[in-house]
Each structure stands twice: as structure tokens, then as C-alpha cells.
Amino acid sequence: MAYAVVLPSSFKAILNPKISFPLAALLALAPGLRALDLDAYLGQVRSGSPALAGARAEDAALALSAKRPLTAFSPTLNGQVSYDDNQELPLGDTQLSPVDTQQLSWDASLSQFFSTGTKVGLDYSGDKANLIFPGVVSQFASNPAFAGFLPYFFTYGQQWDVSVSQSLWRDLGAAQESASLDKAQADADAGRAANAYRAQAVLLEARQAYIGLATDRRVEARLRDAMARASAVLAWTKGKQADNLADRADVLESQAALVGDRLELRRSLEDEASALADFNVLRGSPPQAPVGDLAPFPVPTKLPVARPGARLDVVHAEAALRSARAEVRSVRRSFTPDVSLFAEVGGAEQNPQYLEPGLGGGFRPQTMVGLKFSADLDYLLYRQIVAGARKAEGYGRSAIRDRTLAAQRDWAALES
């Protein structure tokens, strides 16, 4: 059973830098070589932004998280080895009872679950025990005449079996695991769509920061020119007043115009300092890092063309709805009664050399076939859990409609 992680179509374009990092660094460290245009700056943001670097790491983590439920179909190996040294005397002990029991036991099992709902297991186990008796028992044991009346000093045995079980109802076709896989896939898709949407927001903020800084610089240049003209007008008006060709009111008006231009320039410099900090932080540079000349950005002459497919926030809502539906299936399956068919074939072996006389030994085969039935009887709890899952599903449908309408509203506002 193979499951592929779906990557939003625009995600790679959002996160992958359009220019290489050395080129971006060269443009950042040597701005005098050329004016930095908008595309080159966005390339610096893609390669240097900590937010986008985190988005790339989160996207990779989300893609791998969708594969986690696949561990249900992974082969599982369990093993155990233990040594027990027990010197506790048994109840009702006699002179013929052992004073110490030393036992070594081991067990290993291998199991595999398949997409048909079939589980196959292979198990092997064994044990070896030494019984320590008082010295008087050992002396009697050395006499062949008493060998048939004494307990054994050593035992050894091993067994192995192959088991198969098949669900005929609840987990037929691995329905429970399939629901978990679908939910994990939907959750990963929803997280990746939301992650890509946030990455788009970072690039939009970077575009606005570039345009804002370039605009503030142009405004600053215009205001400095205005101040120079206002200063010249003030000086000319004062000269005219000295020649009695202008009134005092004309001088005051010129001074007020110059003061207004200074205030506008101060406000513009504050806006430019804030835009500079945003400009640098978005590309991963210190807030006050120097920025060279910025190339003029083209003014749009027409509306952008709508891209095919849903907006990423709508994609996120659609994946969340798929997750809610998979949750409903998973809940229904977990409360579904089950009938399972199981079979086991194996055998056990004991070493007859160390057994008490008359017990026998050698290989002993064993087989077992049967049916198993199970059902959860808490129907009220089942109804409550399903109702909660249904509400999440209804919220998902409402979220899709809400975000679709929001996207249509935003596009209509752009067109108007």
C-alpha cells in the first residue's frame, strides 16, 4: 500500500530562491555594482529569510509525518533473554526439595501486518533450568540403585509456532489503518498548505517593504528639493522685504512653508528608517545594514491574471475537511464489532536425556484453529464521539465556503 504526499503546486515556487545565494550575497555586500531590483531582492529574501528557512524545514517535517502511520505495516521483531537464580525454599519442602533453582529462558518473535488485515507471526522460545539439591541428595544420586526414585537435576526445552489471524469485519482490508493513513495525509497536506500560505505572506511583505523603501527614498528626494526651493523663496522674499517690495506676511508665509517641508522630511526619514529595518530583516540582515541604490519598480498597467486552482487557504480548509472525514471513519471502525479467524501451527521439544523416567520427550506437534468475536457495548459513548467528529466535519465544510467567498471578495475588490 503506497501513499504519496501531495505538495501544493505553488509551494516550490514560493520557497525556492530564484537566484543563488552567492549572487544574493554579492548584491547585498556590493550594492554599488548595480541598483538592486525587486526580483533580485526577493531572491535575497528567499535565500536569507529565517522565516522561509523555517518554512522549508517545517514543510519537510510535515511531509515525513504523513508516513508515520505506515509503521503499522512494518515488520516487528521482539526478543527477550532472562536469567533467574531463585534460592527461595518451596512451601512444604522436604529433604528432597531443591535449595536453589537457576533458570535461563529466551523468547523471540517476528510479526508482520498486511494491507489485507492479515497478521502473521513467528515465535520461538526455550528454557533451561538447573536444580540444586542438598548434599545428601547428591550422594544418593551417585548410586545407580536410587536413580529411578530421585527428582531430575536438569531440564531443557524449546518450542516454536507460526500463527495467522485475519479480521473478517472491523479491520478487513486494514480499514482502521487506512483511515489513520488518510487522516495523517490530510493533516500533512493542511499543514503544508498553511505553511505555504504563510510563506506567500512573507514574500508579499517583502515586496511591500521594497516598494515602501523605494517610495520613501523618492519622497525624501522630492522633499529635499522642496526644502531647497522653499529656502530660496524665503531668501528672495526677505530681499524683497528689505527693498520694501514685500510685506512681513509674505516672509512669514515663506517661513511656514519651509517649516512644513522640514516636518514632512522628518516624518519621511522616520518612515524610511522603519522601512529600512523591515527591508533588511526580511532578507536576514541586521536592521541598520546599508542598502545601496534601488532600481525603479514598474508600475502595473493591468490586473494580474487569476491562477488556476484554489487559493492556499482554501486548499488548507479542503485538507482539514478530508482529515475530519477520515476521523469519522476511524471512529466508526474502532467501534465496529469484529470477528477474527486465527490459526496456529507449531511444536515443542524436550530433551529426554534429562527427564524423569516415564515422562518421555522428543518433538510434539500442536495445532489450533478458532474464531474470536469482540464488540464495544458502550453505544452512548460511540454516539457522542461520532457526533463530535461530525461537528468537526461540518466546521470544515463551512470553512471551505467562508474562505472561498473571501477569495472571491478579495478578487472582486481588486478588479473594482
Protein backbone atom coordinates (compact mmCIF):
# COMPACT_ATOMS: atom_id res chain seq x y z
CA MET A 1 0.00 0.00 0.00
CA ALA A 2 1.67 3.21 -1.16
CA TYR A 3 0.75 6.73 -0.08
CA ALA A 4 2.21 9.83 -1.71
CA VAL A 5 2.45 13.23 -0.05
CA VAL A 6 0.86 15.92 -2.21
CA LEU A 7 2.88 19.12 -2.41
CA PRO A 8 0.95 22.31 -3.18
CA SER A 9 1.77 23.28 -6.76
CA SER A 10 2.92 26.79 -5.88
CA PHE A 11 4.93 25.81 -2.81
CA LYS A 12 8.24 25.16 -4.54
CA ALA A 13 8.00 28.44 -6.40
CA ILE A 14 7.27 30.21 -3.12
CA LEU A 15 10.20 28.82 -1.15
CA ASN A 16 12.93 28.13 -3.73
CA PRO A 17 15.20 31.10 -4.38
CA LYS A 18 15.31 32.39 -7.95
CA ILE A 19 18.94 33.49 -7.61
CA SER A 20 21.77 31.64 -5.97
CA PHE A 21 22.91 32.62 -2.50
CA PRO A 22 26.41 33.78 -3.59
CA LEU A 23 24.84 36.14 -6.09
CA ALA A 24 22.40 37.42 -3.47
CA ALA A 25 25.27 37.96 -1.03
CA LEU A 26 27.27 39.76 -3.70
CA LEU A 27 24.38 42.09 -4.39
CA ALA A 28 23.93 42.73 -0.67
CA LEU A 29 27.62 43.36 0.08
CA ALA A 30 28.43 45.33 -3.06
CA PRO A 31 25.34 47.42 -3.79
CA GLY A 32 27.38 49.90 -5.76
CA LEU A 33 27.84 47.40 -8.58
CA ARG A 34 24.26 47.84 -9.74
CA ALA A 35 20.89 49.02 -8.49
CA LEU A 36 19.04 46.28 -6.64
CA ASP A 37 15.81 45.49 -8.44
CA LEU A 38 12.70 43.88 -6.97
CA ASP A 39 13.33 40.37 -8.33
CA ALA A 40 16.90 40.31 -7.01
CA TYR A 41 15.71 41.47 -3.59
CA LEU A 42 13.04 38.75 -3.49
CA GLY A 43 15.80 36.27 -4.32
CA GLN A 44 17.73 37.53 -1.28
CA VAL A 45 14.62 37.08 0.85
CA ARG A 46 14.10 33.52 -0.39
CA SER A 47 17.68 32.56 0.39
CA GLY A 48 18.27 34.58 3.57
CA SER A 49 14.94 34.88 5.36
CA PRO A 50 14.85 32.89 8.63
CA ALA A 51 11.07 32.67 8.29
CA LEU A 52 11.31 30.99 4.88
CA ALA A 53 14.15 28.74 6.07
CA GLY A 54 11.87 27.61 8.89
CA ALA A 55 9.05 27.12 6.38
CA ARG A 56 11.24 24.81 4.27
CA ALA A 57 12.18 22.77 7.36
CA GLU A 58 8.55 22.61 8.51
CA ASP A 59 7.41 21.51 5.06
CA ALA A 60 9.92 18.64 5.06
CA ALA A 61 8.84 17.63 8.58
CA LEU A 62 5.16 17.66 7.62
CA ALA A 63 5.87 15.57 4.52
CA LEU A 64 7.58 12.92 6.65
CA SER A 65 4.90 13.00 9.36
CA ALA A 66 2.37 11.68 6.82
CA LYS A 67 4.41 8.45 6.63
CA ARG A 68 4.33 7.77 10.36
CA PRO A 69 1.18 5.56 10.32
CA LEU A 70 2.92 3.32 7.77
CA THR A 71 4.77 1.79 10.74
CA ALA A 72 1.64 -0.32 11.26
CA PHE A 73 2.75 -2.32 8.19
CA SER A 74 6.39 -2.59 9.28
CA PRO A 75 7.74 -5.97 10.43
CA THR A 76 8.24 -6.12 14.19
CA LEU A 77 10.90 -8.14 15.99
CA ASN A 78 10.74 -8.71 19.76
CA GLY A 79 13.18 -10.65 21.86
CA GLN A 80 13.92 -11.37 25.50
CA VAL A 81 16.56 -13.27 27.44
CA SER A 82 16.39 -13.67 31.21
CA TYR A 83 18.32 -15.48 33.94
CA ASP A 84 16.65 -16.27 37.25
CA ASP A 85 18.52 -17.50 40.33
CA ASN A 86 15.90 -18.39 42.95
CA GLN A 87 17.05 -19.68 46.35
CA GLU A 88 13.61 -19.42 47.96
CA LEU A 89 12.52 -22.72 49.51
CA PRO A 90 9.16 -24.03 48.26
CA LEU A 91 6.22 -24.46 50.61
CA GLY A 92 6.16 -27.91 52.20
CA ASP A 93 9.80 -28.53 51.32
CA THR A 94 11.48 -31.74 52.40
CA GLN A 95 14.97 -33.08 52.43
CA LEU A 96 14.48 -33.96 48.75
CA SER A 97 13.43 -30.42 47.73
CA PRO A 98 15.86 -28.23 45.80
CA VAL A 99 17.58 -25.40 47.66
CA ASP A 100 18.31 -23.33 44.54
CA THR A 101 16.78 -23.02 41.05
CA GLN A 102 18.80 -21.47 38.23
CA GLN A 103 16.79 -20.89 35.06
CA LEU A 104 17.75 -19.37 31.71
CA SER A 105 14.86 -18.56 29.36
CA TRP A 106 14.65 -16.86 25.98
CA ASP A 107 11.97 -15.78 23.54
CA ALA A 108 11.97 -14.18 20.07
CA SER A 109 9.01 -13.27 17.89
CA LEU A 110 8.63 -11.77 14.41
CA SER A 111 5.30 -10.39 13.21
CA GLN A 112 4.04 -8.69 10.05
CA PHE A 113 0.73 -6.93 9.39
CA PHE A 114 -0.50 -6.73 5.79
CA SER A 115 -2.86 -4.39 3.95
CA THR A 116 -5.45 -7.18 3.76
CA GLY A 117 -5.86 -7.07 7.54
CA THR A 118 -3.86 -10.30 7.93
CA LYS A 119 -1.31 -10.65 10.71
CA VAL A 120 1.36 -13.35 10.57
CA GLY A 121 3.64 -14.17 13.48
CA LEU A 122 6.60 -16.46 14.09
CA ASP A 123 7.59 -17.25 17.69
CA TYR A 124 10.46 -19.24 19.19
CA SER A 125 11.09 -19.75 22.90
CA GLY A 126 13.01 -22.04 25.18
CA ASP A 127 14.26 -22.52 28.73
CA LYS A 128 16.99 -24.33 30.58
CA ALA A 129 16.80 -24.97 34.33
CA ASN A 130 19.29 -26.32 36.88
CA LEU A 131 18.01 -27.60 40.23
CA ILE A 132 20.48 -27.57 43.16
CA PHE A 133 19.71 -30.12 45.93
CA PRO A 134 21.24 -30.64 49.37
CA GLY A 135 24.43 -32.66 49.57
CA VAL A 136 22.72 -35.76 50.92
CA VAL A 137 20.52 -35.93 47.81
CA SER A 138 23.57 -35.66 45.60
CA GLN A 139 25.19 -38.56 47.44
CA PHE A 140 22.14 -40.76 46.86
CA ALA A 141 22.08 -39.68 43.22
CA SER A 142 25.56 -41.10 42.72
CA ASN A 143 24.18 -44.57 43.49
CA PRO A 144 22.55 -46.09 40.35
CA ALA A 145 20.16 -48.09 42.50
CA PHE A 146 18.25 -44.94 43.54
CA ALA A 147 18.27 -43.20 40.15
CA GLY A 148 14.61 -44.01 39.42
CA PHE A 149 13.40 -42.58 42.73
CA LEU A 150 15.16 -39.19 42.68
CA PRO A 151 13.89 -35.98 41.07
CA TYR A 152 15.61 -34.60 38.00
CA PHE A 153 18.52 -32.16 38.27
CA PHE A 154 18.31 -30.51 34.85
CA THR A 155 15.59 -29.68 32.28
CA TYR A 156 15.76 -28.27 28.80
CA GLY A 157 13.02 -27.49 26.29
CA GLN A 158 12.14 -25.33 23.31
CA GLN A 159 9.09 -24.61 21.19
CA TRP A 160 8.17 -22.69 18.05
CA ASP A 161 4.95 -21.85 16.25
CA VAL A 162 3.55 -19.94 13.30
CA SER A 163 0.31 -18.01 13.83
CA VAL A 164 -2.06 -16.33 11.36
CA SER A 165 -5.06 -14.13 12.16
CA GLN A 166 -7.49 -12.48 9.75
CA SER A 167 -10.13 -9.91 10.67
CA LEU A 168 -13.40 -10.57 8.86
CA TRP A 169 -15.25 -7.38 9.79
CA ARG A 170 -13.69 -4.43 11.69
CA ASP A 171 -10.24 -4.42 10.17
CA LEU A 172 -10.91 -6.23 6.92
CA GLY A 173 -8.59 -4.74 4.33
CA ALA A 174 -6.76 -2.85 7.12
CA ALA A 175 -9.65 -0.38 7.22
CA GLN A 176 -8.62 1.14 10.57
CA GLU A 177 -5.03 1.70 9.47
CA SER A 178 -6.24 3.08 6.13
CA ALA A 179 -8.35 5.69 7.94
CA SER A 180 -5.34 6.65 10.06
CA LEU A 181 -3.20 6.99 6.94
CA ASP A 182 -5.81 9.14 5.21
CA LYS A 183 -6.08 11.39 8.25
CA ALA A 184 -2.30 11.75 8.58
CA GLN A 185 -2.05 12.55 4.87
CA ALA A 186 -4.83 15.15 5.12
CA ASP A 187 -3.27 16.71 8.23
CA ALA A 188 0.09 16.95 6.47
CA ASP A 189 -1.50 18.50 3.37
CA ALA A 190 -3.38 21.01 5.53
CA GLY A 191 -0.22 21.93 7.43
CA ARG A 192 1.81 22.31 4.24
CA ALA A 193 -0.87 24.47 2.60
CA ALA A 194 -0.98 26.72 5.67
CA ASN A 195 2.82 26.81 5.68
CA ALA A 196 2.89 27.82 2.01
CA TYR A 197 0.25 30.48 2.66
CA ARG A 198 2.42 31.99 5.40
CA ALA A 199 5.43 31.87 3.07
CA GLN A 200 3.44 33.77 0.45
CA ALA A 201 2.62 36.35 3.11
CA VAL A 202 6.35 36.78 3.86
CA LEU A 203 7.12 37.37 0.17
CA LEU A 204 4.21 39.80 -0.11
CA GLU A 205 5.56 41.65 2.92
CA ALA A 206 8.99 41.71 1.29
CA ARG A 207 7.54 43.11 -1.92
CA GLN A 208 5.75 45.81 0.07
CA ALA A 209 8.94 46.57 2.04
CA TYR A 210 10.90 47.05 -1.20
CA ILE A 211 8.24 49.30 -2.71
CA GLY A 212 7.89 51.19 0.59
CA LEU A 213 11.62 51.84 0.93
CA ALA A 214 11.99 52.86 -2.71
CA THR A 215 8.97 55.16 -2.39
CA ASP A 216 10.23 56.73 0.85
CA ARG A 217 13.57 57.45 -0.83
CA ARG A 218 11.83 59.16 -3.74
CA VAL A 219 9.66 61.16 -1.36
CA GLU A 220 12.76 62.15 0.60
CA ALA A 221 14.47 63.39 -2.56
CA ARG A 222 11.37 65.38 -3.54
CA LEU A 223 11.11 66.91 -0.06
CA ARG A 224 14.77 67.92 -0.06
CA ASP A 225 14.21 69.61 -3.41
CA ALA A 226 11.13 71.31 -1.97
CA MET A 227 13.13 72.49 1.04
CA ALA A 228 15.81 73.89 -1.22
CA ARG A 229 13.19 75.78 -3.22
CA ALA A 230 11.46 76.97 -0.02
CA SER A 231 14.79 78.22 1.34
CA ALA A 232 15.46 80.06 -1.91
CA VAL A 233 11.96 81.58 -1.89
CA LEU A 234 12.42 82.68 1.74
CA ALA A 235 15.75 84.35 0.97
CA TRP A 236 14.25 86.04 -2.12
CA THR A 237 11.22 87.23 -0.10
CA LYS A 238 13.44 88.64 2.64
CA GLY A 239 15.41 90.54 -0.02
CA LYS A 240 12.18 91.89 -1.45
CA GLN A 241 11.08 92.97 2.03
CA ALA A 242 14.37 94.80 2.53
CA ASP A 243 13.64 96.67 -0.70
CA ASN A 244 10.09 97.35 0.53
CA LEU A 245 8.70 95.21 -2.30
CA ALA A 246 7.20 92.54 0.00
CA ASP A 247 5.31 92.53 3.28
CA ARG A 248 6.19 90.88 6.55
CA ALA A 249 3.29 88.47 5.96
CA ASP A 250 4.98 87.21 2.79
CA VAL A 251 8.13 86.40 4.75
CA LEU A 252 6.17 84.58 7.46
CA GLU A 253 4.31 82.58 4.81
CA SER A 254 7.61 81.52 3.23
CA GLN A 255 9.00 80.56 6.63
CA ALA A 256 5.87 78.48 7.37
CA ALA A 257 6.25 76.69 4.05
CA LEU A 258 9.89 75.87 4.88
CA VAL A 259 8.98 74.61 8.37
CA GLY A 260 6.24 72.42 6.88
CA ASP A 261 8.68 70.90 4.41
CA ARG A 262 11.11 70.18 7.26
CA LEU A 263 8.40 68.40 9.25
CA GLU A 264 7.42 66.37 6.21
CA LEU A 265 11.06 65.46 5.63
CA ARG A 266 11.48 64.38 9.26
CA ARG A 267 8.37 62.21 9.02
CA SER A 268 9.62 60.77 5.75
CA LEU A 269 13.02 59.95 7.30
CA GLU A 270 11.27 58.14 10.16
CA ASP A 271 9.20 56.14 7.68
CA GLU A 272 12.33 55.37 5.67
CA ALA A 273 14.18 54.15 8.79
CA SER A 274 11.28 51.81 9.63
CA ALA A 275 11.09 50.59 6.02
CA LEU A 276 14.87 50.03 6.01
CA ALA A 277 14.64 47.83 9.12
CA ASP A 278 11.82 45.76 7.57
CA PHE A 279 13.73 45.57 4.27
CA ASN A 280 16.85 44.15 5.96
CA VAL A 281 15.20 41.84 8.49
CA LEU A 282 13.13 40.15 5.79
CA ARG A 283 16.28 39.18 3.91
CA GLY A 284 18.08 38.05 7.08
CA SER A 285 20.35 41.12 7.52
CA PRO A 286 20.83 43.41 10.55
CA PRO A 287 18.14 46.15 10.69
CA GLN A 288 20.58 49.00 10.07
CA ALA A 289 22.63 47.31 7.32
CA PRO A 290 23.37 49.72 4.46
CA VAL A 291 21.27 49.37 1.33
CA GLY A 292 22.53 50.67 -1.99
CA ASP A 293 20.51 52.08 -4.83
CA LEU A 294 17.16 50.52 -5.58
CA ALA A 295 16.02 50.15 -9.15
CA PRO A 296 12.69 51.79 -10.06
CA PHE A 297 9.89 49.28 -9.87
CA PRO A 298 7.47 49.06 -12.77
CA VAL A 299 4.01 50.44 -12.21
CA PRO A 300 1.30 47.84 -13.06
CA THR A 301 -0.67 48.72 -16.17
CA LYS A 302 -3.24 45.91 -15.96
CA LEU A 303 -4.77 43.49 -13.48
CA PRO A 304 -2.97 40.21 -12.77
CA VAL A 305 -4.35 37.06 -14.32
CA ALA A 306 -6.11 34.71 -11.90
CA ARG A 307 -4.16 31.49 -11.40
CA PRO A 308 -5.98 28.18 -11.85
CA GLY A 309 -6.86 26.27 -8.74
CA ALA A 310 -7.92 27.28 -5.25
CA ARG A 311 -6.09 29.73 -3.05
CA LEU A 312 -3.81 28.12 -0.49
CA ASP A 313 -6.03 28.96 2.48
CA VAL A 314 -8.88 27.20 0.64
CA VAL A 315 -6.57 24.21 -0.02
CA HIS A 316 -5.83 24.14 3.72
CA ALA A 317 -9.56 24.08 4.53
CA GLU A 318 -10.19 21.30 1.99
CA ALA A 319 -7.43 19.16 3.52
CA ALA A 320 -8.82 19.83 7.01
CA LEU A 321 -12.21 18.58 5.80
CA ARG A 322 -10.60 15.38 4.47
CA SER A 323 -8.97 14.93 7.89
CA ALA A 324 -12.33 15.32 9.65
CA ARG A 325 -13.97 12.76 7.35
CA ALA A 326 -11.11 10.30 7.94
CA GLU A 327 -11.57 10.83 11.68
CA VAL A 328 -15.26 9.92 11.37
CA ARG A 329 -14.30 6.71 9.51
CA SER A 330 -11.69 5.88 12.12
CA VAL A 331 -14.18 6.31 14.97
CA ARG A 332 -16.80 4.18 13.23
CA ARG A 333 -14.27 1.43 12.58
CA SER A 334 -12.96 1.43 16.15
CA PHE A 335 -16.49 0.78 17.47
CA THR A 336 -17.39 -1.78 14.80
CA PRO A 337 -17.73 -5.37 16.13
CA ASP A 338 -15.08 -7.78 14.92
CA VAL A 339 -14.90 -11.44 14.03
CA SER A 340 -11.42 -12.83 13.53
CA LEU A 341 -10.22 -16.17 12.24
CA PHE A 342 -6.98 -17.41 13.76
CA ALA A 343 -4.78 -20.46 13.35
CA GLU A 344 -1.55 -21.64 14.92
CA VAL A 345 0.82 -24.44 13.94
CA GLY A 346 3.89 -25.30 15.95
CA GLY A 347 5.60 -27.79 18.17
CA ALA A 348 7.63 -28.32 21.32
CA GLU A 349 10.69 -30.39 22.06
CA GLN A 350 12.14 -31.63 25.33
CA ASN A 351 15.41 -33.41 25.75
CA PRO A 352 14.53 -36.91 27.05
CA GLN A 353 18.00 -37.49 28.42
CA TYR A 354 17.35 -35.22 31.39
CA LEU A 355 13.69 -36.05 32.18
CA GLU A 356 12.34 -38.18 34.95
CA PRO A 357 11.75 -41.75 33.84
CA GLY A 358 8.39 -42.25 32.21
CA LEU A 359 7.85 -38.64 31.13
CA GLY A 360 9.03 -39.17 27.56
CA GLY A 361 10.41 -36.46 25.29
CA GLY A 362 11.16 -35.52 21.70
CA PHE A 363 9.14 -33.35 19.31
CA ARG A 364 5.44 -32.82 19.97
CA PRO A 365 3.42 -31.01 17.28
CA GLN A 366 0.48 -28.77 18.13
CA THR A 367 -2.21 -27.05 16.07
CA MET A 368 -5.04 -24.64 16.91
CA VAL A 369 -7.82 -23.07 14.83
CA GLY A 370 -10.64 -20.86 16.06
CA LEU A 371 -12.85 -17.79 15.78
CA LYS A 372 -12.77 -14.75 18.03
CA PHE A 373 -15.54 -12.19 18.47
CA SER A 374 -15.32 -8.78 20.15
CA ALA A 375 -17.69 -5.80 20.41
CA ASP A 376 -17.74 -2.48 22.29
CA LEU A 377 -21.04 -2.21 24.17
CA ASP A 378 -20.81 1.50 25.14
CA TYR A 379 -23.15 2.70 22.40
CA LEU A 380 -23.82 6.05 24.10
CA LEU A 381 -20.12 6.91 24.10
CA TYR A 382 -19.91 5.87 20.45
CA ARG A 383 -22.75 8.25 19.52
CA GLN A 384 -21.09 11.12 21.41
CA ILE A 385 -17.71 10.61 19.75
CA VAL A 386 -19.24 10.32 16.28
CA ALA A 387 -21.30 13.48 16.93
CA GLY A 388 -18.11 15.35 17.85
CA ALA A 389 -16.38 14.13 14.72
CA ARG A 390 -19.42 15.14 12.64
CA LYS A 391 -19.25 18.67 14.07
CA ALA A 392 -15.61 18.92 13.01
CA GLU A 393 -16.66 17.78 9.54
CA GLY A 394 -19.40 20.45 9.44
CA TYR A 395 -16.92 23.10 10.52
CA GLY A 396 -14.62 22.02 7.68
CA ARG A 397 -17.37 22.47 5.08
CA SER A 398 -18.21 25.92 6.49
CA ALA A 399 -14.54 26.91 6.49
CA ILE A 400 -14.18 25.98 2.82
CA ARG A 401 -17.22 28.07 1.87
CA ASP A 402 -16.07 31.01 4.01
CA ARG A 403 -12.55 31.09 2.58
CA THR A 404 -13.80 30.59 -0.98
CA LEU A 405 -16.10 33.58 -0.58
CA ALA A 406 -13.26 35.59 0.96
CA ALA A 407 -11.05 34.82 -2.05
CA GLN A 408 -13.85 35.88 -4.42
CA ARG A 409 -14.38 39.06 -2.40
CA ASP A 410 -10.68 39.95 -2.50
CA TRP A 411 -10.54 39.40 -6.25
CA ALA A 412 -13.68 41.48 -6.79
CA ALA A 413 -12.17 44.28 -4.70
CA LEU A 414 -9.01 44.16 -6.80
CA GLU A 415 -10.97 44.37 -10.02
CA SER A 416 -13.07 47.29 -8.78
